[in-house]
C-alpha cells in the first residue's frame, strides 16, 4: 500500500490517494480534481472507490469531477446521509462554491470492509465533528478526516458538531488502537496513536 497526500484548496485539506498495485481509492477529494486525477494517470492506476470521511464541502467539493473522470463508486457513512442532504452542511457560501458534490453510491456502517487488490479497508464510525463521520482503517493506517489532528481535535461549533461525542469517539475508537497505528488526518501532518496518547491534551 502506498499513500499519496495532496493538500488541496483554500482550507489546505488533505486528499489521500491510497494505491494498491494497479488500483486505488481516493479519500476526501475536496478541491483540485485535475491534480487528483493527474496522480492516477502518472501512477497508471484506476480508482475503485471515493471515500468521504464526512460531508463538509472542503472534503467533497471536487468529487463530482473526480467521479466523472474515474467512474469510481462513492462511499459515505450511512449516518451522514441526512447531513449530506442538508444544503447548508455541504456548501461553502463564503467561497461562492456552486458545484454539487457527487451523491454516495454506497452507504457504509461500522465494521464494514471494502476489498481492493487483496487488501481490506475497514470502516470505523467516528462521530462528533459531524453526526455520521467515518474513519477508514487499512494496513496500520487510519484516515480520520477532521476527527483528530496532530496535537488537536476537530471543531464542534459547526452544525451537527458535538464536543462530548467527539471526545468519546477519540478515546474509544482511535486512542484504543495499537500505538503504532499511523493517523492521516483531514488537515495538517500525519501523526500516530502513540503520539496523540502522549501529547494531545484536547483528546483527554
N, C-alpha and C. Protein backbone atom coordinates (compact mmCIF):
# COMPACT_ATOMS: atom_id res chain seq x y z
N UNK A 1 0.84 -1.20 0.00
CA UNK A 1 0.00 0.00 0.00
C UNK A 1 0.88 1.25 0.00
N UNK A 2 0.61 2.16 -0.92
CA UNK A 2 1.33 3.42 -0.97
C UNK A 2 0.33 4.57 -0.82
N UNK A 3 0.72 5.58 -0.10
CA UNK A 3 -0.18 6.70 0.19
C UNK A 3 0.39 7.98 -0.42
N UNK A 4 -0.39 8.58 -1.29
CA UNK A 4 -0.05 9.89 -1.85
C UNK A 4 -0.92 10.93 -1.14
N UNK A 5 -0.29 11.96 -0.59
CA UNK A 5 -1.02 13.01 0.11
C UNK A 5 -0.99 14.29 -0.71
N UNK A 6 -2.17 14.81 -1.03
CA UNK A 6 -2.28 16.09 -1.73
C UNK A 6 -2.98 17.07 -0.80
N UNK A 7 -2.37 18.22 -0.59
CA UNK A 7 -3.01 19.27 0.19
C UNK A 7 -3.69 20.20 -0.79
N UNK A 8 -5.03 20.26 -0.71
CA UNK A 8 -5.80 20.94 -1.75
C UNK A 8 -6.71 22.03 -1.18
N UNK A 9 -6.92 23.06 -2.00
CA UNK A 9 -7.91 24.08 -1.70
C UNK A 9 -7.52 25.09 -0.64
N UNK A 10 -8.39 26.07 -0.42
CA UNK A 10 -8.09 27.18 0.49
C UNK A 10 -8.01 26.79 1.95
N UNK A 11 -8.60 25.64 2.31
CA UNK A 11 -8.53 25.18 3.70
C UNK A 11 -7.41 24.17 3.90
N UNK A 12 -6.57 23.97 2.89
CA UNK A 12 -5.44 23.05 2.94
C UNK A 12 -5.90 21.67 3.44
N UNK A 13 -6.90 21.16 2.76
CA UNK A 13 -7.46 19.85 3.10
C UNK A 13 -6.57 18.75 2.54
N UNK A 14 -6.38 17.70 3.33
CA UNK A 14 -5.62 16.56 2.86
C UNK A 14 -6.52 15.62 2.07
N UNK A 15 -6.17 15.42 0.82
CA UNK A 15 -6.80 14.39 0.00
C UNK A 15 -5.79 13.25 -0.13
N UNK A 16 -6.23 12.03 0.13
CA UNK A 16 -5.32 10.89 0.08
C UNK A 16 -5.67 9.99 -1.10
N UNK A 17 -4.65 9.60 -1.83
CA UNK A 17 -4.79 8.57 -2.85
C UNK A 17 -4.02 7.36 -2.34
N UNK A 18 -4.75 6.30 -2.05
CA UNK A 18 -4.14 5.08 -1.49
C UNK A 18 -4.06 4.05 -2.61
N UNK A 19 -2.85 3.65 -2.92
CA UNK A 19 -2.60 2.80 -4.08
C UNK A 19 -2.31 1.37 -3.66
N UNK A 20 -3.05 0.45 -4.25
CA UNK A 20 -2.84 -0.98 -4.06
C UNK A 20 -2.55 -1.57 -5.45
N UNK A 21 -1.28 -1.75 -5.76
CA UNK A 21 -0.88 -2.27 -7.07
C UNK A 21 -1.45 -1.40 -8.19
N UNK A 22 -2.42 -1.91 -8.96
CA UNK A 22 -2.94 -1.16 -10.10
C UNK A 22 -4.27 -0.47 -9.82
N UNK A 23 -4.74 -0.55 -8.59
CA UNK A 23 -5.99 0.10 -8.24
C UNK A 23 -5.77 1.02 -7.05
N UNK A 24 -6.71 1.95 -6.87
CA UNK A 24 -6.54 2.94 -5.81
C UNK A 24 -7.89 3.35 -5.24
N UNK A 25 -7.83 3.97 -4.08
CA UNK A 25 -9.00 4.65 -3.53
C UNK A 25 -8.62 6.10 -3.28
N UNK A 26 -9.61 6.96 -3.35
CA UNK A 26 -9.41 8.39 -3.11
C UNK A 26 -10.20 8.74 -1.86
N UNK A 27 -9.55 9.40 -0.92
CA UNK A 27 -10.21 9.80 0.32
C UNK A 27 -10.27 11.32 0.38
N UNK A 28 -11.48 11.84 0.45
CA UNK A 28 -11.75 13.28 0.60
C UNK A 28 -11.22 14.16 -0.54
N UNK A 29 -11.81 14.03 -1.72
CA UNK A 29 -11.42 14.89 -2.85
C UNK A 29 -12.09 16.26 -2.75
N UNK A 30 -11.52 17.13 -1.94
CA UNK A 30 -12.16 18.40 -1.64
C UNK A 30 -12.09 19.43 -2.76
N UNK A 31 -10.93 19.58 -3.33
CA UNK A 31 -10.70 20.57 -4.40
C UNK A 31 -9.68 20.00 -5.38
N UNK A 32 -9.45 20.75 -6.46
CA UNK A 32 -8.37 20.47 -7.41
C UNK A 32 -8.46 19.08 -8.02
N UNK A 33 -9.60 18.80 -8.63
CA UNK A 33 -9.83 17.50 -9.26
C UNK A 33 -8.74 17.15 -10.27
N UNK A 34 -8.26 18.15 -11.00
CA UNK A 34 -7.23 17.88 -12.02
C UNK A 34 -5.96 17.31 -11.40
N UNK A 35 -5.57 17.84 -10.25
CA UNK A 35 -4.37 17.33 -9.58
C UNK A 35 -4.57 15.88 -9.13
N UNK A 36 -5.76 15.60 -8.64
CA UNK A 36 -6.06 14.26 -8.15
C UNK A 36 -6.02 13.25 -9.29
N UNK A 37 -6.69 13.56 -10.38
CA UNK A 37 -6.74 12.61 -11.49
C UNK A 37 -5.39 12.51 -12.21
N UNK A 38 -4.61 13.57 -12.15
CA UNK A 38 -3.28 13.52 -12.77
C UNK A 38 -2.38 12.52 -12.04
N UNK A 39 -2.50 12.47 -10.71
CA UNK A 39 -1.72 11.48 -9.94
C UNK A 39 -2.08 10.07 -10.39
N UNK A 40 -3.37 9.81 -10.57
CA UNK A 40 -3.81 8.49 -11.03
C UNK A 40 -3.18 8.16 -12.38
N UNK A 41 -3.16 9.14 -13.27
CA UNK A 41 -2.59 8.90 -14.60
C UNK A 41 -1.08 8.65 -14.51
N UNK A 42 -0.40 9.44 -13.71
CA UNK A 42 1.05 9.29 -13.57
C UNK A 42 1.42 7.94 -12.98
N UNK A 43 0.62 7.49 -12.02
CA UNK A 43 0.90 6.22 -11.36
C UNK A 43 0.31 5.03 -12.13
N UNK A 44 -0.45 5.35 -13.17
CA UNK A 44 -1.07 4.30 -14.00
C UNK A 44 -1.95 3.37 -13.16
N UNK A 45 -2.81 3.98 -12.35
CA UNK A 45 -3.73 3.21 -11.51
C UNK A 45 -5.17 3.68 -11.76
N UNK A 46 -6.09 2.78 -11.48
CA UNK A 46 -7.51 3.07 -11.67
C UNK A 46 -8.18 3.19 -10.30
N UNK A 47 -8.92 4.26 -10.08
CA UNK A 47 -9.61 4.45 -8.80
C UNK A 47 -10.86 3.57 -8.75
N UNK A 48 -10.98 2.81 -7.68
CA UNK A 48 -12.15 1.94 -7.49
C UNK A 48 -13.20 2.60 -6.61
N UNK A 49 -12.73 3.28 -5.55
CA UNK A 49 -13.64 3.91 -4.60
C UNK A 49 -13.23 5.35 -4.31
N UNK A 50 -14.22 6.17 -3.99
CA UNK A 50 -14.01 7.50 -3.42
C UNK A 50 -14.69 7.48 -2.05
N UNK A 51 -13.92 7.70 -0.99
CA UNK A 51 -14.47 7.74 0.35
C UNK A 51 -14.66 9.18 0.81
N UNK A 52 -15.80 9.45 1.44
CA UNK A 52 -16.00 10.70 2.17
C UNK A 52 -15.86 10.39 3.66
N UNK A 53 -14.90 11.02 4.34
CA UNK A 53 -14.86 10.83 5.80
C UNK A 53 -16.03 11.56 6.45
N UNK A 54 -16.46 12.67 5.83
CA UNK A 54 -17.64 13.40 6.30
C UNK A 54 -18.06 14.37 5.18
N UNK A 55 -19.20 15.03 5.39
CA UNK A 55 -19.82 15.77 4.29
C UNK A 55 -19.55 17.27 4.27
N UNK A 56 -18.47 17.73 4.88
CA UNK A 56 -18.13 19.13 4.74
C UNK A 56 -17.56 19.39 3.35
N UNK A 57 -17.90 20.55 2.80
CA UNK A 57 -17.58 20.84 1.40
C UNK A 57 -16.08 20.76 1.11
N UNK A 58 -15.24 21.17 2.06
CA UNK A 58 -13.82 21.17 1.77
C UNK A 58 -13.25 19.76 1.63
N UNK A 59 -14.06 18.74 1.94
CA UNK A 59 -13.62 17.35 1.79
C UNK A 59 -14.26 16.64 0.61
N UNK A 60 -15.31 17.23 0.03
CA UNK A 60 -16.04 16.53 -1.04
C UNK A 60 -16.32 17.41 -2.26
N UNK A 61 -15.83 18.64 -2.24
CA UNK A 61 -16.23 19.63 -3.24
C UNK A 61 -15.91 19.29 -4.68
N UNK A 62 -14.83 18.56 -4.93
CA UNK A 62 -14.49 18.23 -6.32
C UNK A 62 -14.87 16.80 -6.68
N UNK A 63 -15.68 16.17 -5.83
CA UNK A 63 -15.98 14.75 -6.02
C UNK A 63 -16.72 14.45 -7.31
N UNK A 64 -17.61 15.34 -7.72
CA UNK A 64 -18.36 15.09 -8.96
C UNK A 64 -17.41 15.03 -10.16
N UNK A 65 -16.44 15.94 -10.20
CA UNK A 65 -15.48 15.94 -11.29
C UNK A 65 -14.60 14.69 -11.25
N UNK A 66 -14.17 14.32 -10.04
CA UNK A 66 -13.32 13.14 -9.90
C UNK A 66 -14.08 11.87 -10.28
N UNK A 67 -15.32 11.79 -9.85
CA UNK A 67 -16.14 10.62 -10.19
C UNK A 67 -16.36 10.54 -11.70
N UNK A 68 -16.61 11.67 -12.33
CA UNK A 68 -16.82 11.68 -13.78
C UNK A 68 -15.60 11.15 -14.52
N UNK A 69 -14.41 11.50 -14.03
CA UNK A 69 -13.17 11.09 -14.68
C UNK A 69 -12.82 9.64 -14.40
N UNK A 70 -13.20 9.13 -13.23
CA UNK A 70 -12.73 7.81 -12.79
C UNK A 70 -13.81 6.73 -12.79
N UNK A 71 -15.07 7.16 -12.71
CA UNK A 71 -16.20 6.22 -12.58
C UNK A 71 -16.10 5.39 -11.29
N UNK A 72 -15.41 5.91 -10.29
CA UNK A 72 -15.29 5.22 -9.01
C UNK A 72 -16.58 5.33 -8.21
N UNK A 73 -16.85 4.34 -7.37
CA UNK A 73 -18.04 4.36 -6.51
C UNK A 73 -17.78 5.23 -5.28
N UNK A 74 -18.73 6.09 -4.96
CA UNK A 74 -18.60 6.99 -3.81
C UNK A 74 -19.18 6.32 -2.57
N UNK A 75 -18.39 6.30 -1.49
CA UNK A 75 -18.79 5.66 -0.24
C UNK A 75 -18.84 6.69 0.88
N UNK A 76 -19.92 6.67 1.66
CA UNK A 76 -20.09 7.58 2.78
C UNK A 76 -20.79 6.83 3.92
N UNK A 77 -20.57 7.27 5.16
CA UNK A 77 -21.24 6.67 6.29
C UNK A 77 -22.75 6.86 6.20
N UNK A 78 -23.50 5.80 6.52
CA UNK A 78 -24.96 5.88 6.40
C UNK A 78 -25.57 6.92 7.34
N UNK A 79 -24.91 7.18 8.47
CA UNK A 79 -25.44 8.15 9.43
C UNK A 79 -25.13 9.59 9.02
N UNK A 80 -24.39 9.75 7.94
CA UNK A 80 -24.07 11.08 7.43
C UNK A 80 -25.02 11.51 6.33
N UNK A 81 -25.90 10.61 5.90
CA UNK A 81 -26.73 10.87 4.72
C UNK A 81 -27.63 12.09 4.90
N UNK A 82 -28.32 12.20 6.04
CA UNK A 82 -29.22 13.34 6.23
C UNK A 82 -28.43 14.64 6.31
N UNK A 83 -27.22 14.58 6.87
CA UNK A 83 -26.34 15.74 6.93
C UNK A 83 -25.90 16.14 5.53
N UNK A 84 -25.57 15.16 4.71
CA UNK A 84 -25.17 15.41 3.33
C UNK A 84 -26.32 16.04 2.55
N UNK A 85 -27.54 15.60 2.81
CA UNK A 85 -28.69 16.09 2.06
C UNK A 85 -29.11 17.51 2.45
N UNK A 86 -28.59 18.02 3.57
CA UNK A 86 -28.88 19.38 4.01
C UNK A 86 -27.95 20.34 3.27
N UNK A 87 -28.46 21.17 2.36
CA UNK A 87 -27.58 22.03 1.56
C UNK A 87 -26.65 22.91 2.41
N UNK A 88 -27.10 23.34 3.57
CA UNK A 88 -26.26 24.22 4.38
C UNK A 88 -25.06 23.50 4.96
N UNK A 89 -25.09 22.17 4.97
CA UNK A 89 -23.99 21.42 5.58
C UNK A 89 -22.88 21.09 4.59
N UNK A 90 -23.14 21.18 3.31
CA UNK A 90 -22.13 20.79 2.33
C UNK A 90 -21.69 21.92 1.42
N UNK A 91 -22.27 23.11 1.58
CA UNK A 91 -21.86 24.23 0.76
C UNK A 91 -20.99 25.20 1.55
N UNK A 92 -20.26 26.00 0.83
CA UNK A 92 -19.37 26.98 1.46
C UNK A 92 -19.64 28.32 0.80
N UNK A 93 -20.67 29.01 1.25
CA UNK A 93 -21.11 30.22 0.57
C UNK A 93 -20.04 31.31 0.57
N UNK A 94 -19.20 31.31 1.59
CA UNK A 94 -18.19 32.36 1.64
C UNK A 94 -17.17 32.18 0.52
N UNK A 95 -17.07 30.98 -0.03
CA UNK A 95 -16.18 30.75 -1.15
C UNK A 95 -16.92 30.80 -2.48
N UNK A 96 -18.25 31.03 -2.38
CA UNK A 96 -19.11 31.11 -3.56
C UNK A 96 -18.99 29.85 -4.42
N UNK A 97 -18.99 28.69 -3.72
CA UNK A 97 -18.93 27.42 -4.43
C UNK A 97 -20.33 27.02 -4.85
N UNK A 98 -20.47 26.56 -6.08
CA UNK A 98 -21.79 26.19 -6.56
C UNK A 98 -21.86 24.77 -7.10
N UNK A 99 -20.71 24.13 -7.33
CA UNK A 99 -20.74 22.77 -7.86
C UNK A 99 -21.28 21.80 -6.81
N UNK A 100 -22.10 20.88 -7.25
CA UNK A 100 -22.74 19.94 -6.34
C UNK A 100 -21.88 18.69 -6.20
N UNK A 101 -21.57 18.28 -4.98
CA UNK A 101 -20.76 17.06 -4.80
C UNK A 101 -21.50 15.83 -5.30
N UNK A 102 -20.75 14.80 -5.63
CA UNK A 102 -21.34 13.55 -6.09
C UNK A 102 -22.10 12.88 -4.95
N UNK A 103 -23.30 12.41 -5.23
CA UNK A 103 -24.08 11.68 -4.23
C UNK A 103 -23.43 10.32 -3.97
N UNK A 104 -23.55 9.81 -2.76
CA UNK A 104 -22.95 8.50 -2.47
C UNK A 104 -23.64 7.37 -3.24
N UNK A 105 -22.83 6.43 -3.69
CA UNK A 105 -23.35 5.21 -4.31
C UNK A 105 -23.58 4.13 -3.26
N UNK A 106 -22.76 4.18 -2.21
CA UNK A 106 -22.80 3.16 -1.16
C UNK A 106 -22.80 3.86 0.20
N UNK A 107 -23.73 3.45 1.07
CA UNK A 107 -23.74 3.93 2.46
C UNK A 107 -23.20 2.82 3.34
N UNK A 108 -22.15 3.14 4.09
CA UNK A 108 -21.46 2.11 4.88
C UNK A 108 -21.75 2.27 6.37
N UNK A 109 -21.37 1.24 7.12
CA UNK A 109 -21.61 1.26 8.56
C UNK A 109 -20.41 0.66 9.31
N UNK A 110 -20.44 0.79 10.61
CA UNK A 110 -19.37 0.30 11.50
C UNK A 110 -18.99 -1.15 11.18
N UNK A 111 -17.68 -1.36 11.01
CA UNK A 111 -17.15 -2.71 10.82
C UNK A 111 -17.19 -3.23 9.40
N UNK A 112 -17.87 -2.53 8.50
CA UNK A 112 -17.95 -2.99 7.12
C UNK A 112 -16.57 -2.88 6.46
N UNK A 113 -16.27 -3.82 5.57
CA UNK A 113 -14.97 -3.82 4.90
C UNK A 113 -15.14 -3.78 3.39
N UNK A 114 -14.25 -3.03 2.77
CA UNK A 114 -14.22 -2.95 1.31
C UNK A 114 -12.86 -3.48 0.85
N UNK A 115 -12.90 -4.37 -0.13
CA UNK A 115 -11.68 -5.07 -0.54
C UNK A 115 -11.18 -4.56 -1.88
N UNK A 116 -9.87 -4.45 -1.94
CA UNK A 116 -9.24 -3.97 -3.16
C UNK A 116 -7.85 -4.61 -3.27
N UNK A 117 -7.62 -5.30 -4.37
CA UNK A 117 -6.34 -5.97 -4.63
C UNK A 117 -5.89 -6.85 -3.45
N UNK A 118 -6.83 -7.57 -2.85
CA UNK A 118 -6.49 -8.47 -1.75
C UNK A 118 -6.33 -7.80 -0.40
N UNK A 119 -6.53 -6.49 -0.33
CA UNK A 119 -6.42 -5.76 0.94
C UNK A 119 -7.81 -5.24 1.34
N UNK A 120 -7.96 -4.98 2.63
CA UNK A 120 -9.26 -4.50 3.10
C UNK A 120 -9.16 -3.10 3.66
N UNK A 121 -10.25 -2.36 3.55
CA UNK A 121 -10.39 -1.05 4.15
C UNK A 121 -11.61 -1.13 5.05
N UNK A 122 -11.38 -1.03 6.35
CA UNK A 122 -12.43 -1.22 7.34
C UNK A 122 -13.00 0.12 7.80
N UNK A 123 -14.31 0.17 7.93
CA UNK A 123 -15.00 1.38 8.35
C UNK A 123 -15.12 1.45 9.86
N UNK A 124 -14.73 2.58 10.42
CA UNK A 124 -14.92 2.86 11.84
C UNK A 124 -15.76 4.13 11.95
N UNK A 125 -16.91 4.03 12.57
CA UNK A 125 -17.76 5.21 12.73
C UNK A 125 -17.14 6.12 13.80
N UNK A 126 -16.89 7.39 13.41
CA UNK A 126 -16.23 8.33 14.32
C UNK A 126 -17.00 9.66 14.35
N UNK A 127 -18.18 9.66 14.97
CA UNK A 127 -18.99 10.89 15.03
C UNK A 127 -18.44 11.91 16.02
N UNK A 128 -18.94 13.13 15.89
CA UNK A 128 -18.56 14.21 16.80
C UNK A 128 -18.28 15.49 16.06
N UNK A 129 -17.40 15.41 15.07
CA UNK A 129 -17.17 16.57 14.21
C UNK A 129 -18.40 16.79 13.33
N UNK A 130 -18.94 15.70 12.81
CA UNK A 130 -20.25 15.66 12.16
C UNK A 130 -20.99 14.44 12.69
N UNK A 131 -22.29 14.35 12.48
CA UNK A 131 -23.05 13.26 13.10
C UNK A 131 -22.66 11.86 12.62
N UNK A 132 -22.26 11.73 11.34
CA UNK A 132 -22.00 10.40 10.80
C UNK A 132 -20.64 10.24 10.18
N UNK A 133 -19.65 10.96 10.70
CA UNK A 133 -18.30 10.85 10.16
C UNK A 133 -17.73 9.45 10.32
N UNK A 134 -16.86 9.08 9.40
CA UNK A 134 -16.20 7.79 9.48
C UNK A 134 -14.69 7.96 9.38
N UNK A 135 -13.97 6.96 9.87
CA UNK A 135 -12.55 6.81 9.60
C UNK A 135 -12.36 5.51 8.86
N UNK A 136 -11.29 5.41 8.10
CA UNK A 136 -11.03 4.24 7.28
C UNK A 136 -9.68 3.65 7.71
N UNK A 137 -9.70 2.36 8.05
CA UNK A 137 -8.51 1.68 8.57
C UNK A 137 -8.02 0.64 7.58
N UNK A 138 -6.73 0.70 7.26
CA UNK A 138 -6.14 -0.29 6.36
C UNK A 138 -4.64 -0.40 6.61
N UNK A 139 -4.20 -1.61 6.85
CA UNK A 139 -2.77 -1.90 6.99
C UNK A 139 -2.06 -0.94 7.94
N UNK A 140 -2.60 -0.78 9.12
CA UNK A 140 -2.00 0.06 10.16
C UNK A 140 -2.04 1.55 9.88
N UNK A 141 -2.84 1.95 8.91
CA UNK A 141 -3.05 3.37 8.62
C UNK A 141 -4.52 3.70 8.87
N UNK A 142 -4.74 4.83 9.54
CA UNK A 142 -6.11 5.27 9.85
C UNK A 142 -6.32 6.66 9.28
N UNK A 143 -7.31 6.77 8.40
CA UNK A 143 -7.64 8.05 7.77
C UNK A 143 -8.85 8.62 8.52
N UNK A 144 -8.64 9.72 9.25
CA UNK A 144 -9.60 10.17 10.26
C UNK A 144 -10.43 11.39 9.88
N UNK A 145 -10.23 11.96 8.70
CA UNK A 145 -10.96 13.19 8.40
C UNK A 145 -10.64 14.25 9.44
N UNK A 146 -11.67 14.94 9.93
CA UNK A 146 -11.46 16.02 10.89
C UNK A 146 -11.77 15.61 12.32
N UNK A 147 -11.65 14.33 12.61
CA UNK A 147 -11.89 13.84 13.97
C UNK A 147 -10.74 14.25 14.90
N UNK A 148 -9.53 13.96 14.49
CA UNK A 148 -8.35 14.25 15.30
C UNK A 148 -7.22 14.72 14.40
N UNK A 149 -6.40 15.62 14.93
CA UNK A 149 -5.23 16.12 14.23
C UNK A 149 -4.01 15.95 15.12
N UNK A 150 -2.83 16.22 14.59
CA UNK A 150 -1.64 16.21 15.43
C UNK A 150 -1.78 17.29 16.51
N UNK A 151 -1.89 16.87 17.76
CA UNK A 151 -1.96 17.79 18.88
C UNK A 151 -3.28 18.52 19.02
N UNK A 152 -4.29 18.11 18.28
CA UNK A 152 -5.57 18.82 18.35
C UNK A 152 -6.71 17.88 17.96
N UNK A 153 -7.93 18.42 17.98
CA UNK A 153 -9.10 17.64 17.58
C UNK A 153 -9.97 18.51 16.67
N UNK A 154 -10.95 17.88 16.03
CA UNK A 154 -11.82 18.60 15.12
C UNK A 154 -12.73 19.58 15.84
N UNK A 155 -13.14 20.61 15.15
CA UNK A 155 -14.03 21.61 15.74
C UNK A 155 -15.44 21.03 15.85
N UNK A 156 -16.18 21.53 16.82
CA UNK A 156 -17.55 21.03 17.04
C UNK A 156 -18.56 22.17 17.10
N UNK A 157 -18.15 23.37 16.67
CA UNK A 157 -19.05 24.52 16.73
C UNK A 157 -19.83 24.73 15.43
N UNK A 158 -19.64 23.83 14.46
CA UNK A 158 -20.41 23.88 13.22
C UNK A 158 -21.67 23.03 13.37
N UNK A 159 -22.67 23.22 12.51
CA UNK A 159 -23.89 22.42 12.61
C UNK A 159 -23.59 20.92 12.62
N UNK A 160 -24.22 20.22 13.57
CA UNK A 160 -24.01 18.78 13.68
C UNK A 160 -22.87 18.36 14.57
N UNK A 161 -22.06 19.33 15.03
CA UNK A 161 -20.93 19.01 15.89
C UNK A 161 -21.37 18.74 17.32
N UNK A 162 -20.62 17.88 18.02
CA UNK A 162 -20.94 17.53 19.40
C UNK A 162 -19.63 17.24 20.12
N UNK A 163 -19.20 18.14 20.99
CA UNK A 163 -17.89 18.03 21.61
C UNK A 163 -17.76 16.79 22.51
N UNK A 164 -18.80 16.48 23.27
CA UNK A 164 -18.73 15.30 24.14
C UNK A 164 -18.67 14.02 23.31
N UNK A 165 -19.44 13.98 22.24
CA UNK A 165 -19.44 12.82 21.35
C UNK A 165 -18.07 12.64 20.71
N UNK A 166 -17.45 13.76 20.31
CA UNK A 166 -16.15 13.68 19.67
C UNK A 166 -15.09 13.15 20.63
N UNK A 167 -15.08 13.64 21.86
CA UNK A 167 -14.10 13.16 22.84
C UNK A 167 -14.29 11.67 23.12
N UNK A 168 -15.54 11.26 23.22
CA UNK A 168 -15.84 9.84 23.43
C UNK A 168 -15.35 9.00 22.26
N UNK A 169 -15.59 9.49 21.05
CA UNK A 169 -15.15 8.81 19.84
C UNK A 169 -13.64 8.63 19.83
N UNK A 170 -12.92 9.70 20.12
CA UNK A 170 -11.46 9.65 20.08
C UNK A 170 -10.91 8.64 21.08
N UNK A 171 -11.46 8.64 22.28
CA UNK A 171 -10.97 7.72 23.31
C UNK A 171 -11.30 6.27 22.98
N UNK A 172 -12.53 6.02 22.54
CA UNK A 172 -12.99 4.64 22.33
C UNK A 172 -12.57 4.06 20.98
N UNK A 173 -12.53 4.90 19.96
CA UNK A 173 -12.34 4.38 18.61
C UNK A 173 -10.93 4.60 18.05
N UNK A 174 -10.22 5.62 18.55
CA UNK A 174 -8.92 5.94 17.97
C UNK A 174 -7.77 5.65 18.93
N UNK A 175 -7.82 6.22 20.12
CA UNK A 175 -6.71 6.03 21.06
C UNK A 175 -6.69 4.63 21.66
N UNK A 176 -7.71 3.85 21.41
CA UNK A 176 -7.74 2.46 21.86
C UNK A 176 -7.00 1.53 20.89
N UNK A 177 -6.64 2.05 19.72
CA UNK A 177 -5.92 1.25 18.73
C UNK A 177 -4.45 1.11 19.13
N UNK A 178 -3.76 0.23 18.45
CA UNK A 178 -2.34 -0.01 18.73
C UNK A 178 -1.52 1.27 18.59
N UNK A 179 -0.52 1.42 19.43
CA UNK A 179 0.31 2.63 19.43
C UNK A 179 0.95 2.92 18.09
N UNK A 180 1.26 1.87 17.33
CA UNK A 180 1.98 2.10 16.08
C UNK A 180 1.09 2.40 14.89
N UNK A 181 -0.21 2.53 15.11
CA UNK A 181 -1.10 2.92 14.03
C UNK A 181 -0.81 4.37 13.64
N UNK A 182 -0.63 4.60 12.35
CA UNK A 182 -0.36 5.95 11.86
C UNK A 182 -1.67 6.62 11.49
N UNK A 183 -1.82 7.86 11.92
CA UNK A 183 -3.04 8.63 11.70
C UNK A 183 -2.81 9.63 10.57
N UNK A 184 -3.71 9.57 9.58
CA UNK A 184 -3.68 10.51 8.45
C UNK A 184 -4.92 11.40 8.57
N UNK A 185 -4.76 12.62 9.07
CA UNK A 185 -5.91 13.48 9.33
C UNK A 185 -6.34 14.30 8.12
N UNK A 186 -7.48 14.98 8.27
CA UNK A 186 -8.02 15.79 7.18
C UNK A 186 -7.27 17.08 6.94
N UNK A 187 -6.47 17.50 7.90
CA UNK A 187 -5.66 18.72 7.77
C UNK A 187 -4.38 18.51 8.56
N UNK A 188 -3.29 19.07 8.08
CA UNK A 188 -2.04 19.01 8.83
C UNK A 188 -1.28 17.71 8.64
N UNK A 189 -0.15 17.59 9.37
CA UNK A 189 0.73 16.43 9.17
C UNK A 189 0.17 15.14 9.76
N UNK A 190 0.71 14.03 9.27
CA UNK A 190 0.36 12.72 9.82
C UNK A 190 0.94 12.60 11.23
N UNK A 191 0.31 11.73 12.01
CA UNK A 191 0.75 11.51 13.38
C UNK A 191 0.56 10.03 13.71
N UNK A 192 0.52 9.69 14.98
CA UNK A 192 0.34 8.29 15.37
C UNK A 192 -0.51 8.21 16.64
N UNK A 193 -1.06 7.03 16.88
CA UNK A 193 -1.83 6.83 18.10
C UNK A 193 -0.93 7.06 19.32
N UNK A 194 0.27 6.55 19.27
CA UNK A 194 1.20 6.71 20.39
C UNK A 194 1.45 8.18 20.70
N UNK A 195 1.71 8.97 19.69
CA UNK A 195 1.99 10.39 19.90
C UNK A 195 0.78 11.12 20.47
N UNK A 196 -0.41 10.83 19.96
CA UNK A 196 -1.60 11.55 20.42
C UNK A 196 -1.98 11.13 21.84
N UNK A 197 -1.75 9.91 22.21
CA UNK A 197 -1.97 9.48 23.59
C UNK A 197 -1.09 10.28 24.54
N UNK A 198 0.12 10.55 24.10
CA UNK A 198 1.11 11.23 24.94
C UNK A 198 0.95 12.74 24.95
N UNK A 199 0.70 13.33 23.78
CA UNK A 199 0.81 14.78 23.64
C UNK A 199 -0.49 15.54 23.42
N UNK A 200 -1.56 14.86 23.05
CA UNK A 200 -2.78 15.58 22.68
C UNK A 200 -3.64 15.87 23.90
N UNK A 201 -3.50 17.07 24.43
CA UNK A 201 -4.26 17.46 25.63
C UNK A 201 -5.76 17.54 25.37
N UNK A 202 -6.14 17.86 24.13
CA UNK A 202 -7.55 18.02 23.80
C UNK A 202 -8.31 16.70 23.77
N UNK A 203 -7.57 15.62 23.60
CA UNK A 203 -8.21 14.31 23.45
C UNK A 203 -8.40 13.59 24.79
N UNK A 204 -8.02 14.24 25.90
CA UNK A 204 -8.11 13.58 27.20
C UNK A 204 -9.45 13.84 27.88
